[in-house]
Amino acid sequence: MENPFETGHIKNYLLLYASVVTIMILFFIASTLFHDVKQVDKKEFNTKISKIKENKNKEIKDNNKNFGIKLMEKSY
């Protein structure tokens, strides 16, 4: 195996490293230039509960009480 420092191959490794770094820098610059940041409006949730929804919630709770899990009379 040859020593890359003695044979002059280190120049090729440095050029490869420099080219990879420059490509990474160019991609970073391109991504920051073409990245449009949109202004996002703040979302507010409606905290008021209407009477219709309250009635539906009560009906659902009443229905859940009637259809509970029942055990069988005999075990098999």
PDB file of N, CA and C in Angstrom:
ATOM      1  N   MET A   1       0.844  -1.176   0.000  1.00  0.00           N
ATOM      2  CA  MET A   1       0.000   0.000   0.000  1.00  0.00           C
ATOM      3  C   MET A   1       0.887   1.237   0.000  1.00  0.00           C
ATOM      4  N   GLU A   2       0.519   2.191  -0.828  1.00  0.00           N
ATOM      5  CA  GLU A   2       1.332   3.394  -0.963  1.00  0.00           C
ATOM      6  C   GLU A   2       0.874   4.461   0.023  1.00  0.00           C
ATOM      7  N   ASN A   3       1.799   5.256   0.448  1.00  0.00           N
ATOM      8  CA  ASN A   3       1.493   6.369   1.343  1.00  0.00           C
ATOM      9  C   ASN A   3       1.012   7.548   0.492  1.00  0.00           C
ATOM     10  N   PRO A   4      -0.229   8.044   0.725  1.00  0.00           N
ATOM     11  CA  PRO A   4      -0.725   9.134  -0.132  1.00  0.00           C
ATOM     12  C   PRO A   4       0.040  10.443   0.066  1.00  0.00           C
ATOM     13  N   PHE A   5       0.702  10.600   1.190  1.00  0.00           N
ATOM     14  CA  PHE A   5       1.452  11.840   1.412  1.00  0.00           C
ATOM     15  C   PHE A   5       2.730  11.872   0.574  1.00  0.00           C
ATOM     16  N   GLU A   6       3.305  10.723   0.316  1.00  0.00           N
ATOM     17  CA  GLU A   6       4.551  10.661  -0.452  1.00  0.00           C
ATOM     18  C   GLU A   6       4.313  10.642  -1.951  1.00  0.00           C
ATOM     19  N   THR A   7       3.205  10.065  -2.393  1.00  0.00           N
ATOM     20  CA  THR A   7       2.984   9.924  -3.829  1.00  0.00           C
ATOM     21  C   THR A   7       2.263  11.113  -4.454  1.00  0.00           C
ATOM     22  N   GLY A   8       1.778  12.051  -3.655  1.00  0.00           N
ATOM     23  CA  GLY A   8       1.127  13.229  -4.219  1.00  0.00           C
ATOM     24  C   GLY A   8      -0.366  13.068  -4.390  1.00  0.00           C
ATOM     25  N   HIS A   9      -0.945  11.980  -3.873  1.00  0.00           N
ATOM     26  CA  HIS A   9      -2.395  11.781  -3.996  1.00  0.00           C
ATOM     27  C   HIS A   9      -3.179  12.649  -3.025  1.00  0.00           C
ATOM     28  N   ILE A  10      -2.505  13.235  -2.070  1.00  0.00           N
ATOM     29  CA  ILE A  10      -3.211  14.061  -1.081  1.00  0.00           C
ATOM     30  C   ILE A  10      -3.871  15.262  -1.750  1.00  0.00           C
ATOM     31  N   LYS A  11      -3.295  15.733  -2.848  1.00  0.00           N
ATOM     32  CA  LYS A  11      -3.893  16.855  -3.581  1.00  0.00           C
ATOM     33  C   LYS A  11      -5.266  16.472  -4.121  1.00  0.00           C
ATOM     34  N   ASN A  12      -5.415  15.238  -4.584  1.00  0.00           N
ATOM     35  CA  ASN A  12      -6.707  14.780  -5.097  1.00  0.00           C
ATOM     36  C   ASN A  12      -7.745  14.697  -3.979  1.00  0.00           C
ATOM     37  N   TYR A  13      -7.321  14.224  -2.802  1.00  0.00           N
ATOM     38  CA  TYR A  13      -8.239  14.137  -1.670  1.00  0.00           C
ATOM     39  C   TYR A  13      -8.693  15.526  -1.216  1.00  0.00           C
ATOM     40  N   LEU A  14      -7.756  16.471  -1.203  1.00  0.00           N
ATOM     41  CA  LEU A  14      -8.118  17.836  -0.809  1.00  0.00           C
ATOM     42  C   LEU A  14      -9.060  18.474  -1.818  1.00  0.00           C
ATOM     43  N   LEU A  15      -8.841  18.222  -3.091  1.00  0.00           N
ATOM     44  CA  LEU A  15      -9.736  18.757  -4.119  1.00  0.00           C
ATOM     45  C   LEU A  15     -11.130  18.142  -4.002  1.00  0.00           C
ATOM     46  N   LEU A  16     -11.207  16.855  -3.720  1.00  0.00           N
ATOM     47  CA  LEU A  16     -12.498  16.204  -3.529  1.00  0.00           C
ATOM     48  C   LEU A  16     -13.224  16.801  -2.331  1.00  0.00           C
ATOM     49  N   TYR A  17     -12.503  16.975  -1.232  1.00  0.00           N
ATOM     50  CA  TYR A  17     -13.104  17.548  -0.026  1.00  0.00           C
ATOM     51  C   TYR A  17     -13.586  18.974  -0.284  1.00  0.00           C
ATOM     52  N   ALA A  18     -12.775  19.778  -0.965  1.00  0.00           N
ATOM     53  CA  ALA A  18     -13.150  21.163  -1.263  1.00  0.00           C
ATOM     54  C   ALA A  18     -14.370  21.213  -2.182  1.00  0.00           C
ATOM     55  N   SER A  19     -14.451  20.311  -3.144  1.00  0.00           N
ATOM     56  CA  SER A  19     -15.602  20.326  -4.056  1.00  0.00           C
ATOM     57  C   SER A  19     -16.880  19.922  -3.324  1.00  0.00           C
ATOM     58  N   VAL A  20     -16.793  18.947  -2.409  1.00  0.00           N
ATOM     59  CA  VAL A  20     -17.979  18.556  -1.642  1.00  0.00           C
ATOM     60  C   VAL A  20     -18.438  19.709  -0.753  1.00  0.00           C
ATOM     61  N   VAL A  21     -17.509  20.408  -0.126  1.00  0.00           N
ATOM     62  CA  VAL A  21     -17.869  21.540   0.734  1.00  0.00           C
ATOM     63  C   VAL A  21     -18.497  22.661  -0.081  1.00  0.00           C
ATOM     64  N   THR A  22     -17.956  22.951  -1.251  1.00  0.00           N
ATOM     65  CA  THR A  22     -18.536  24.029  -2.072  1.00  0.00           C
ATOM     66  C   THR A  22     -19.939  23.652  -2.560  1.00  0.00           C
ATOM     67  N   ILE A  23     -20.156  22.396  -2.895  1.00  0.00           N
ATOM     68  CA  ILE A  23     -21.501  21.969  -3.317  1.00  0.00           C
ATOM     69  C   ILE A  23     -22.478  22.111  -2.161  1.00  0.00           C
ATOM     70  N   MET A  24     -22.057  21.744  -0.940  1.00  0.00           N
ATOM     71  CA  MET A  24     -22.932  21.898   0.230  1.00  0.00           C
ATOM     72  C   MET A  24     -23.267  23.370   0.468  1.00  0.00           C
ATOM     73  N   ILE A  25     -22.283  24.246   0.325  1.00  0.00           N
ATOM     74  CA  ILE A  25     -22.521  25.682   0.521  1.00  0.00           C
ATOM     75  C   ILE A  25     -23.470  26.213  -0.541  1.00  0.00           C
ATOM     76  N   LEU A  26     -23.304  25.783  -1.784  1.00  0.00           N
ATOM     77  CA  LEU A  26     -24.193  26.249  -2.852  1.00  0.00           C
ATOM     78  C   LEU A  26     -25.632  25.781  -2.626  1.00  0.00           C
ATOM     79  N   PHE A  27     -25.814  24.538  -2.180  1.00  0.00           N
ATOM     80  CA  PHE A  27     -27.165  24.062  -1.889  1.00  0.00           C
ATOM     81  C   PHE A  27     -27.785  24.834  -0.724  1.00  0.00           C
ATOM     82  N   PHE A  28     -26.980  25.169   0.279  1.00  0.00           N
ATOM     83  CA  PHE A  28     -27.487  25.948   1.407  1.00  0.00           C
ATOM     84  C   PHE A  28     -27.924  27.337   0.957  1.00  0.00           C
ATOM     85  N   ILE A  29     -27.121  27.981   0.143  1.00  0.00           N
ATOM     86  CA  ILE A  29     -27.464  29.321  -0.352  1.00  0.00           C
ATOM     87  C   ILE A  29     -28.717  29.251  -1.224  1.00  0.00           C
ATOM     88  N   ALA A  30     -28.813  28.252  -2.073  1.00  0.00           N
ATOM     89  CA  ALA A  30     -29.985  28.121  -2.947  1.00  0.00           C
ATOM     90  C   ALA A  30     -31.244  27.858  -2.121  1.00  0.00           C
ATOM     91  N   SER A  31     -31.131  27.066  -1.077  1.00  0.00           N
ATOM     92  CA  SER A  31     -32.322  26.773  -0.281  1.00  0.00           C
ATOM     93  C   SER A  31     -32.774  27.987   0.519  1.00  0.00           C
ATOM     94  N   THR A  32     -31.838  28.826   0.960  1.00  0.00           N
ATOM     95  CA  THR A  32     -32.251  30.020   1.703  1.00  0.00           C
ATOM     96  C   THR A  32     -32.793  31.101   0.776  1.00  0.00           C
ATOM     97  N   LEU A  33     -32.323  31.171  -0.453  1.00  0.00           N
ATOM     98  CA  LEU A  33     -32.809  32.201  -1.376  1.00  0.00           C
ATOM     99  C   LEU A  33     -34.228  31.901  -1.854  1.00  0.00           C
ATOM    100  N   PHE A  34     -34.507  30.641  -2.146  1.00  0.00           N
ATOM    101  CA  PHE A  34     -35.791  30.285  -2.728  1.00  0.00           C
ATOM    102  C   PHE A  34     -36.814  29.829  -1.702  1.00  0.00           C
ATOM    103  N   HIS A  35     -36.491  29.963  -0.433  1.00  0.00           N
ATOM    104  CA  HIS A  35     -37.419  29.554   0.626  1.00  0.00           C
ATOM    105  C   HIS A  35     -38.277  30.750   1.025  1.00  0.00           C
ATOM    106  N   ASP A  36     -39.556  30.720   0.633  1.00  0.00           N
ATOM    107  CA  ASP A  36     -40.473  31.805   0.962  1.00  0.00           C
ATOM    108  C   ASP A  36     -41.168  31.481   2.276  1.00  0.00           C
ATOM    109  N   VAL A  37     -41.042  32.381   3.236  1.00  0.00           N
ATOM    110  CA  VAL A  37     -41.692  32.187   4.526  1.00  0.00           C
ATOM    111  C   VAL A  37     -43.032  32.911   4.467  1.00  0.00           C
ATOM    112  N   LYS A  38     -44.111  32.127   4.638  1.00  0.00           N
ATOM    113  CA  LYS A  38     -45.440  32.720   4.595  1.00  0.00           C
ATOM    114  C   LYS A  38     -45.858  33.129   5.996  1.00  0.00           C
ATOM    115  N   GLN A  39     -46.577  34.213   6.071  1.00  0.00           N
ATOM    116  CA  GLN A  39     -47.089  34.685   7.358  1.00  0.00           C
ATOM    117  C   GLN A  39     -48.304  33.839   7.721  1.00  0.00           C
ATOM    118  N   VAL A  40     -48.269  33.223   8.876  1.00  0.00           N
ATOM    119  CA  VAL A  40     -49.342  32.348   9.310  1.00  0.00           C
ATOM    120  C   VAL A  40     -50.212  33.106  10.305  1.00  0.00           C
ATOM    121  N   ASP A  41     -51.524  33.120  10.027  1.00  0.00           N
ATOM    122  CA  ASP A  41     -52.447  33.783  10.939  1.00  0.00           C
ATOM    123  C   ASP A  41     -52.639  32.942  12.189  1.00  0.00           C
ATOM    124  N   LYS A  42     -52.829  33.638  13.304  1.00  0.00           N
ATOM    125  CA  LYS A  42     -53.045  32.933  14.559  1.00  0.00           C
ATOM    126  C   LYS A  42     -54.462  32.368  14.559  1.00  0.00           C
ATOM    127  N   LYS A  43     -54.580  31.083  14.895  1.00  0.00           N
ATOM    128  CA  LYS A  43     -55.887  30.441  14.906  1.00  0.00           C
ATOM    129  C   LYS A  43     -56.472  30.530  16.306  1.00  0.00           C
ATOM    130  N   GLU A  44     -57.735  30.897  16.350  1.00  0.00           N
ATOM    131  CA  GLU A  44     -58.435  30.975  17.625  1.00  0.00           C
ATOM    132  C   GLU A  44     -59.595  29.998  17.594  1.00  0.00           C
ATOM    133  N   PHE A  45     -59.729  29.246  18.662  1.00  0.00           N
ATOM    134  CA  PHE A  45     -60.796  28.270  18.738  1.00  0.00           C
ATOM    135  C   PHE A  45     -62.018  28.891  19.400  1.00  0.00           C
ATOM    136  N   ASN A  46     -63.164  28.455  18.944  1.00  0.00           N
ATOM    137  CA  ASN A  46     -64.408  28.934  19.503  1.00  0.00           C
ATOM    138  C   ASN A  46     -64.627  28.236  20.842  1.00  0.00           C
ATOM    139  N   THR A  47     -64.631  29.027  21.915  1.00  0.00           N
ATOM    140  CA  THR A  47     -64.771  28.434  23.251  1.00  0.00           C
ATOM    141  C   THR A  47     -66.219  28.418  23.715  1.00  0.00           C
ATOM    142  N   LYS A  48     -67.101  29.050  22.978  1.00  0.00           N
ATOM    143  CA  LYS A  48     -68.509  29.076  23.363  1.00  0.00           C
ATOM    144  C   LYS A  48     -69.189  27.794  22.871  1.00  0.00           C
ATOM    145  N   ILE A  49     -69.913  27.137  23.750  1.00  0.00           N
ATOM    146  CA  ILE A  49     -70.614  25.910  23.390  1.00  0.00           C
ATOM    147  C   ILE A  49     -72.087  26.262  23.151  1.00  0.00           C
ATOM    148  N   SER A  50     -72.565  25.867  21.988  1.00  0.00           N
ATOM    149  CA  SER A  50     -73.954  26.173  21.685  1.00  0.00           C
ATOM    150  C   SER A  50     -74.873  25.210  22.436  1.00  0.00           C
ATOM    151  N   LYS A  51     -76.139  25.590  22.584  1.00  0.00           N
ATOM    152  CA  LYS A  51     -77.102  24.771  23.311  1.00  0.00           C
ATOM    153  C   LYS A  51     -77.406  23.474  22.578  1.00  0.00           C
ATOM    154  N   ILE A  52     -77.338  23.504  21.260  1.00  0.00           N
ATOM    155  CA  ILE A  52     -77.612  22.303  20.472  1.00  0.00           C
ATOM    156  C   ILE A  52     -76.552  21.243  20.765  1.00  0.00           C
ATOM    157  N   LYS A  53     -75.298  21.665  20.833  1.00  0.00           N
ATOM    158  CA  LYS A  53     -74.228  20.722  21.106  1.00  0.00           C
ATOM    159  C   LYS A  53     -74.345  20.165  22.515  1.00  0.00           C
ATOM    160  N   GLU A  54     -74.752  21.007  23.456  1.00  0.00           N
ATOM    161  CA  GLU A  54     -74.919  20.539  24.834  1.00  0.00           C
ATOM    162  C   GLU A  54     -75.995  19.462  24.899  1.00  0.00           C
ATOM    163  N   ASN A  55     -77.118  19.662  24.177  1.00  0.00           N
ATOM    164  CA  ASN A  55     -78.190  18.681  24.164  1.00  0.00           C
ATOM    165  C   ASN A  55     -77.725  17.363  23.536  1.00  0.00           C
ATOM    166  N   LYS A  56     -76.953  17.446  22.450  1.00  0.00           N
ATOM    167  CA  LYS A  56     -76.449  16.236  21.801  1.00  0.00           C
ATOM    168  C   LYS A  56     -75.512  15.485  22.734  1.00  0.00           C
ATOM    169  N   ASN A  57     -74.669  16.227  23.469  1.00  0.00           N
ATOM    170  CA  ASN A  57     -73.738  15.577  24.396  1.00  0.00           C
ATOM    171  C   ASN A  57     -74.501  14.857  25.503  1.00  0.00           C
ATOM    172  N   LYS A  58     -75.590  15.446  25.972  1.00  0.00           N
ATOM    173  CA  LYS A  58     -76.392  14.804  27.020  1.00  0.00           C
ATOM    174  C   LYS A  58     -77.056  13.538  26.488  1.00  0.00           C
ATOM    175  N   GLU A  59     -77.559  13.587  25.246  1.00  0.00           N
ATOM    176  CA  GLU A  59     -78.194  12.419  24.647  1.00  0.00           C
ATOM    177  C   GLU A  59     -77.190  11.286  24.455  1.00  0.00           C
ATOM    178  N   ILE A  60     -76.012  11.618  24.044  1.00  0.00           N
ATOM    179  CA  ILE A  60     -74.986  10.603  23.840  1.00  0.00           C
ATOM    180  C   ILE A  60     -74.622   9.952  25.170  1.00  0.00           C
ATOM    181  N   LYS A  61     -74.486  10.732  26.214  1.00  0.00           N
ATOM    182  CA  LYS A  61     -74.168  10.182  27.526  1.00  0.00           C
ATOM    183  C   LYS A  61     -75.294   9.275  28.022  1.00  0.00           C
ATOM    184  N   ASP A  62     -76.553   9.676  27.779  1.00  0.00           N
ATOM    185  CA  ASP A  62     -77.682   8.844  28.190  1.00  0.00           C
ATOM    186  C   ASP A  62     -77.699   7.528  27.408  1.00  0.00           C
ATOM    187  N   ASN A  63     -77.407   7.582  26.118  1.00  0.00           N
ATOM    188  CA  ASN A  63     -77.378   6.373  25.295  1.00  0.00           C
ATOM    189  C   ASN A  63     -76.262   5.433  25.736  1.00  0.00           C
ATOM    190  N   ASN A  64     -75.134   5.980  26.140  1.00  0.00           N
ATOM    191  CA  ASN A  64     -74.025   5.148  26.577  1.00  0.00           C
ATOM    192  C   ASN A  64     -74.372   4.394  27.858  1.00  0.00           C
ATOM    193  N   LYS A  65     -75.194   4.974  28.696  1.00  0.00           N
ATOM    194  CA  LYS A  65     -75.577   4.302  29.925  1.00  0.00           C
ATOM    195  C   LYS A  65     -76.463   3.099  29.628  1.00  0.00           C
ATOM    196  N   ASN A  66     -77.309   3.188  28.635  1.00  0.00           N
ATOM    197  CA  ASN A  66     -78.219   2.098  28.299  1.00  0.00           C
ATOM    198  C   ASN A  66     -77.511   0.939  27.604  1.00  0.00           C
ATOM    199  N   PHE A  67     -76.451   1.189  26.884  1.00  0.00           N
ATOM    200  CA  PHE A  67     -75.765   0.163  26.104  1.00  0.00           C
ATOM    201  C   PHE A  67     -74.416  -0.182  26.712  1.00  0.00           C
ATOM    202  N   GLY A  68     -74.380  -0.441  27.982  1.00  0.00           N
ATOM    203  CA  GLY A  68     -73.135  -0.822  28.632  1.00  0.00           C
ATOM    204  C   GLY A  68     -72.797  -2.271  28.359  1.00  0.00           C
ATOM    205  N   ILE A  69     -71.684  -2.692  28.831  1.00  0.00           N
ATOM    206  CA  ILE A  69     -71.260  -4.082  28.653  1.00  0.00           C
ATOM    207  C   ILE A  69     -71.939  -4.926  29.710  1.00  0.00           C
ATOM    208  N   LYS A  70     -72.553  -6.005  29.269  1.00  0.00           N
ATOM    209  CA  LYS A  70     -73.233  -6.899  30.198  1.00  0.00           C
ATOM    210  C   LYS A  70     -72.524  -8.240  30.195  1.00  0.00           C
ATOM    211  N   LEU A  71     -72.429  -8.834  31.371  1.00  0.00           N
ATOM    212  CA  LEU A  71     -71.826 -10.155  31.462  1.00  0.00           C
ATOM    213  C   LEU A  71     -72.875 -11.213  31.158  1.00  0.00           C
ATOM    214  N   MET A  72     -72.423 -12.333  30.684  1.00  0.00           N
ATOM    215  CA  MET A  72     -73.337 -13.416  30.381  1.00  0.00           C
ATOM    216  C   MET A  72     -73.791 -14.080  31.683  1.00  0.00           C
ATOM    217  N   GLU A  73     -74.968 -14.643  31.653  1.00  0.00           N
ATOM    218  CA  GLU A  73     -75.469 -15.298  32.834  1.00  0.00           C
ATOM    219  C   GLU A  73     -74.696 -16.584  33.128  1.00  0.00           C
ATOM    220  N   LYS A  74     -74.331 -17.300  32.087  1.00  0.00           N
ATOM    221  CA  LYS A  74     -73.566 -18.528  32.248  1.00  0.00           C
ATOM    222  C   LYS A  74     -72.163 -18.317  31.697  1.00  0.00           C
ATOM    223  N   SER A  75     -71.212 -18.959  32.304  1.00  0.00           N
ATOM    224  CA  SER A  75     -69.862 -18.927  31.739  1.00  0.00           C
ATOM    225  C   SER A  75     -69.608 -20.232  31.018  1.00  0.00           C
ATOM    226  N   TYR A  76     -69.037 -20.183  29.834  1.00  0.00           N
ATOM    227  CA  TYR A  76     -68.821 -21.382  29.036  1.00  0.00           C
ATOM    228  C   TYR A  76     -67.370 -21.773  29.044  1.00  0.00           C
TER     229      TYR A  76
END
